[in-house]
């Protein structure tokens, strides 16, 4: 079954996401996740101190799920795991960059038509029409 939000061609941005997070999870910061081999930003997620310390200790991609309010050990259920190679912090110390190497698969919970996991930035926005083009259908 096709999910319009994740597979559709209409742009429906969630401009309230940060407010929802602040209301329910005030102790998180954003993390951009970059593939070490391609340079591609494959995910923007969140971490808290617990998730960050676990990620650093295990050298694995561990994040904080703001929707489920629990540790998100990437690959624990899907098998698509990522080695954490490097962590960086921005100048204001309010966001992180994790540089990772995929051990298997890509990062997104969605799959392309071949059943393969994608990276999260798989749709391009037409800046004239705001229609979405799926680059990995």
C-alpha atoms as a PDB file:
ATOM      1  CA  UNK A   1       0.000   0.000   0.000  1.00  0.00           C
ATOM      2  CA  UNK A   2       1.425   3.361  -1.040  1.00  0.00           C
ATOM      3  CA  UNK A   3       1.860   6.027   1.621  1.00  0.00           C
ATOM      4  CA  UNK A   4       1.203   9.470   0.159  1.00  0.00           C
ATOM      5  CA  UNK A   5       3.537  11.269   2.568  1.00  0.00           C
ATOM      6  CA  UNK A   6       6.474   8.974   1.815  1.00  0.00           C
ATOM      7  CA  UNK A   7       5.813   7.999  -1.798  1.00  0.00           C
ATOM      8  CA  UNK A   8       3.623  10.764  -3.218  1.00  0.00           C
ATOM      9  CA  UNK A   9       4.563  13.610  -5.500  1.00  0.00           C
ATOM     10  CA  UNK A  10       2.993  16.371  -3.383  1.00  0.00           C
ATOM     11  CA  UNK A  11       5.157  18.447  -1.035  1.00  0.00           C
ATOM     12  CA  UNK A  12       3.623  18.455   2.484  1.00  0.00           C
ATOM     13  CA  UNK A  13       6.332  19.703   4.836  1.00  0.00           C
ATOM     14  CA  UNK A  14       5.896  19.331   8.601  1.00  0.00           C
ATOM     15  CA  UNK A  15       6.760  22.827   9.783  1.00  0.00           C
ATOM     16  CA  UNK A  16       5.488  21.917  13.274  1.00  0.00           C
ATOM     17  CA  UNK A  17       8.012  19.076  13.846  1.00  0.00           C
ATOM     18  CA  UNK A  18      10.383  21.116  16.018  1.00  0.00           C
ATOM     19  CA  UNK A  19       7.512  22.423  18.170  1.00  0.00           C
ATOM     20  CA  UNK A  20       6.252  18.849  18.658  1.00  0.00           C
ATOM     21  CA  UNK A  21       9.721  17.683  19.648  1.00  0.00           C
ATOM     22  CA  UNK A  22      10.228  20.588  22.050  1.00  0.00           C
ATOM     23  CA  UNK A  23       6.897  19.817  23.683  1.00  0.00           C
ATOM     24  CA  UNK A  24       7.653  16.110  24.188  1.00  0.00           C
ATOM     25  CA  UNK A  25      11.459  15.740  24.116  1.00  0.00           C
ATOM     26  CA  UNK A  26      13.207  18.879  25.252  1.00  0.00           C
ATOM     27  CA  UNK A  27      16.564  17.187  25.790  1.00  0.00           C
ATOM     28  CA  UNK A  28      17.477  16.432  22.163  1.00  0.00           C
ATOM     29  CA  UNK A  29      19.585  18.018  19.445  1.00  0.00           C
ATOM     30  CA  UNK A  30      19.599  17.373  15.683  1.00  0.00           C
ATOM     31  CA  UNK A  31      22.138  15.076  14.069  1.00  0.00           C
ATOM     32  CA  UNK A  32      22.948  15.152  10.370  1.00  0.00           C
ATOM     33  CA  UNK A  33      24.142  11.729   9.231  1.00  0.00           C
ATOM     34  CA  UNK A  34      26.564  11.607   6.313  1.00  0.00           C
ATOM     35  CA  UNK A  35      27.796   8.605   4.333  1.00  0.00           C
ATOM     36  CA  UNK A  36      31.613   8.609   4.626  1.00  0.00           C
ATOM     37  CA  UNK A  37      32.071   7.046   1.195  1.00  0.00           C
ATOM     38  CA  UNK A  38      29.722   9.197  -0.888  1.00  0.00           C
ATOM     39  CA  UNK A  39      29.505  12.414   1.137  1.00  0.00           C
ATOM     40  CA  UNK A  40      25.707  12.212   0.853  1.00  0.00           C
ATOM     41  CA  UNK A  41      23.614  13.433   3.783  1.00  0.00           C
ATOM     42  CA  UNK A  42      21.424  10.385   4.312  1.00  0.00           C
ATOM     43  CA  UNK A  43      19.392  11.369   7.356  1.00  0.00           C
ATOM     44  CA  UNK A  44      18.663  14.150   9.805  1.00  0.00           C
ATOM     45  CA  UNK A  45      17.583  12.775  13.163  1.00  0.00           C
ATOM     46  CA  UNK A  46      17.926  13.549  16.862  1.00  0.00           C
ATOM     47  CA  UNK A  47      20.043  12.436  19.765  1.00  0.00           C
ATOM     48  CA  UNK A  48      20.068  12.910  23.503  1.00  0.00           C
ATOM     49  CA  UNK A  49      22.948  12.349  25.881  1.00  0.00           C
ATOM     50  CA  UNK A  50      22.128   8.665  26.429  1.00  0.00           C
ATOM     51  CA  UNK A  51      21.948   7.884  22.712  1.00  0.00           C
ATOM     52  CA  UNK A  52      25.100   9.880  21.987  1.00  0.00           C
ATOM     53  CA  UNK A  53      27.113   8.083  24.677  1.00  0.00           C
ATOM     54  CA  UNK A  54      25.917   4.681  23.440  1.00  0.00           C
ATOM     55  CA  UNK A  55      26.780   5.610  19.838  1.00  0.00           C
ATOM     56  CA  UNK A  56      30.255   6.731  20.875  1.00  0.00           C
ATOM     57  CA  UNK A  57      30.884   3.661  23.049  1.00  0.00           C
ATOM     58  CA  UNK A  58      29.706   1.159  20.424  1.00  0.00           C
ATOM     59  CA  UNK A  59      30.875   3.108  17.343  1.00  0.00           C
ATOM     60  CA  UNK A  60      27.456   2.404  15.845  1.00  0.00           C
ATOM     61  CA  UNK A  61      24.660   4.712  14.725  1.00  0.00           C
ATOM     62  CA  UNK A  62      22.416   5.120  17.751  1.00  0.00           C
ATOM     63  CA  UNK A  63      19.866   7.940  17.845  1.00  0.00           C
ATOM     64  CA  UNK A  64      16.836   9.021  19.867  1.00  0.00           C
ATOM     65  CA  UNK A  65      13.421   8.408  18.338  1.00  0.00           C
ATOM     66  CA  UNK A  66      11.367  11.503  19.101  1.00  0.00           C
ATOM     67  CA  UNK A  67       8.165   9.796  17.980  1.00  0.00           C
ATOM     68  CA  UNK A  68       8.628   6.581  19.999  1.00  0.00           C
ATOM     69  CA  UNK A  69      10.635   8.265  22.807  1.00  0.00           C
ATOM     70  CA  UNK A  70      13.232   5.507  22.919  1.00  0.00           C
ATOM     71  CA  UNK A  71      16.744   4.664  21.797  1.00  0.00           C
ATOM     72  CA  UNK A  72      16.889   3.981  18.086  1.00  0.00           C
ATOM     73  CA  UNK A  73      19.699   1.530  17.444  1.00  0.00           C
ATOM     74  CA  UNK A  74      19.831   1.698  13.663  1.00  0.00           C
ATOM     75  CA  UNK A  75      19.817  -1.784  12.198  1.00  0.00           C
ATOM     76  CA  UNK A  76      18.685  -3.598  15.334  1.00  0.00           C
ATOM     77  CA  UNK A  77      15.445  -4.719  13.687  1.00  0.00           C
ATOM     78  CA  UNK A  78      16.118  -4.074   9.972  1.00  0.00           C
ATOM     79  CA  UNK A  79      19.708  -5.284   9.720  1.00  0.00           C
ATOM     80  CA  UNK A  80      20.727  -2.056   7.966  1.00  0.00           C
ATOM     81  CA  UNK A  81      23.440  -0.983  10.397  1.00  0.00           C
ATOM     82  CA  UNK A  82      26.002   1.809  10.260  1.00  0.00           C
ATOM     83  CA  UNK A  83      29.480   2.115  11.730  1.00  0.00           C
ATOM     84  CA  UNK A  84      30.073   5.493  13.372  1.00  0.00           C
ATOM     85  CA  UNK A  85      33.452   6.702  12.095  1.00  0.00           C
ATOM     86  CA  UNK A  86      33.480  10.292  13.283  1.00  0.00           C
ATOM     87  CA  UNK A  87      31.357  12.779  15.199  1.00  0.00           C
ATOM     88  CA  UNK A  88      31.535  16.557  14.868  1.00  0.00           C
ATOM     89  CA  UNK A  89      29.788  19.408  16.662  1.00  0.00           C
ATOM     90  CA  UNK A  90      28.733  22.788  15.282  1.00  0.00           C
ATOM     91  CA  UNK A  91      30.043  26.108  16.622  1.00  0.00           C
ATOM     92  CA  UNK A  92      27.074  26.678  18.960  1.00  0.00           C
ATOM     93  CA  UNK A  93      27.180  23.083  20.211  1.00  0.00           C
ATOM     94  CA  UNK A  94      23.513  22.527  19.419  1.00  0.00           C
ATOM     95  CA  UNK A  95      23.782  20.001  16.576  1.00  0.00           C
ATOM     96  CA  UNK A  96      26.023  17.139  15.559  1.00  0.00           C
ATOM     97  CA  UNK A  97      27.304  15.576  12.364  1.00  0.00           C
ATOM     98  CA  UNK A  98      27.835  11.815  12.364  1.00  0.00           C
ATOM     99  CA  UNK A  99      29.948  10.393   9.580  1.00  0.00           C
ATOM    100  CA  UNK A 100      29.011   6.769   9.074  1.00  0.00           C
ATOM    101  CA  UNK A 101      29.776   3.800   6.862  1.00  0.00           C
ATOM    102  CA  UNK A 102      26.916   1.494   5.924  1.00  0.00           C
ATOM    103  CA  UNK A 103      27.528  -2.116   6.855  1.00  0.00           C
ATOM    104  CA  UNK A 104      24.471  -3.236   4.940  1.00  0.00           C
ATOM    105  CA  UNK A 105      21.743  -1.395   3.066  1.00  0.00           C
ATOM    106  CA  UNK A 106      20.699   2.219   3.192  1.00  0.00           C
ATOM    107  CA  UNK A 107      19.156   4.173   6.024  1.00  0.00           C
ATOM    108  CA  UNK A 108      15.503   4.923   5.242  1.00  0.00           C
ATOM    109  CA  UNK A 109      12.593   2.825   6.490  1.00  0.00           C
ATOM    110  CA  UNK A 110      11.066   3.094   3.008  1.00  0.00           C
ATOM    111  CA  UNK A 111      11.989   0.724   0.207  1.00  0.00           C
ATOM    112  CA  UNK A 112      12.255   1.258  -3.538  1.00  0.00           C
ATOM    113  CA  UNK A 113      10.260  -0.861  -6.001  1.00  0.00           C
ATOM    114  CA  UNK A 114      12.973  -3.538  -5.857  1.00  0.00           C
ATOM    115  CA  UNK A 115      12.470  -3.834  -2.103  1.00  0.00           C
ATOM    116  CA  UNK A 116      15.837  -2.263  -1.300  1.00  0.00           C
ATOM    117  CA  UNK A 117      16.158   0.324   1.479  1.00  0.00           C
ATOM    118  CA  UNK A 118      16.887   3.845   0.283  1.00  0.00           C
ATOM    119  CA  UNK A 119      18.572   6.822   1.844  1.00  0.00           C
ATOM    120  CA  UNK A 120      16.141   9.400   3.218  1.00  0.00           C
ATOM    121  CA  UNK A 121      16.705  12.099   0.606  1.00  0.00           C
ATOM    122  CA  UNK A 122      15.317  10.176  -2.380  1.00  0.00           C
ATOM    123  CA  UNK A 123      12.942  12.825  -3.759  1.00  0.00           C
ATOM    124  CA  UNK A 124      13.896  16.047  -5.524  1.00  0.00           C
ATOM    125  CA  UNK A 125      11.678  19.145  -5.285  1.00  0.00           C
ATOM    126  CA  UNK A 126      10.791  20.899  -8.525  1.00  0.00           C
ATOM    127  CA  UNK A 127      11.326  24.460  -7.338  1.00  0.00           C
ATOM    128  CA  UNK A 128       8.814  25.862  -9.850  1.00  0.00           C
ATOM    129  CA  UNK A 129       5.879  23.555  -9.081  1.00  0.00           C
ATOM    130  CA  UNK A 130       6.863  22.071  -5.689  1.00  0.00           C
ATOM    131  CA  UNK A 131       6.109  18.639  -7.138  1.00  0.00           C
ATOM    132  CA  UNK A 132       8.359  15.817  -5.978  1.00  0.00           C
ATOM    133  CA  UNK A 133      10.391  13.581  -8.261  1.00  0.00           C
ATOM    134  CA  UNK A 134      11.325  10.168  -6.877  1.00  0.00           C
ATOM    135  CA  UNK A 135      14.987   9.502  -7.734  1.00  0.00           C
ATOM    136  CA  UNK A 136      14.899   5.926  -6.391  1.00  0.00           C
ATOM    137  CA  UNK A 137      11.413   4.577  -7.160  1.00  0.00           C
END
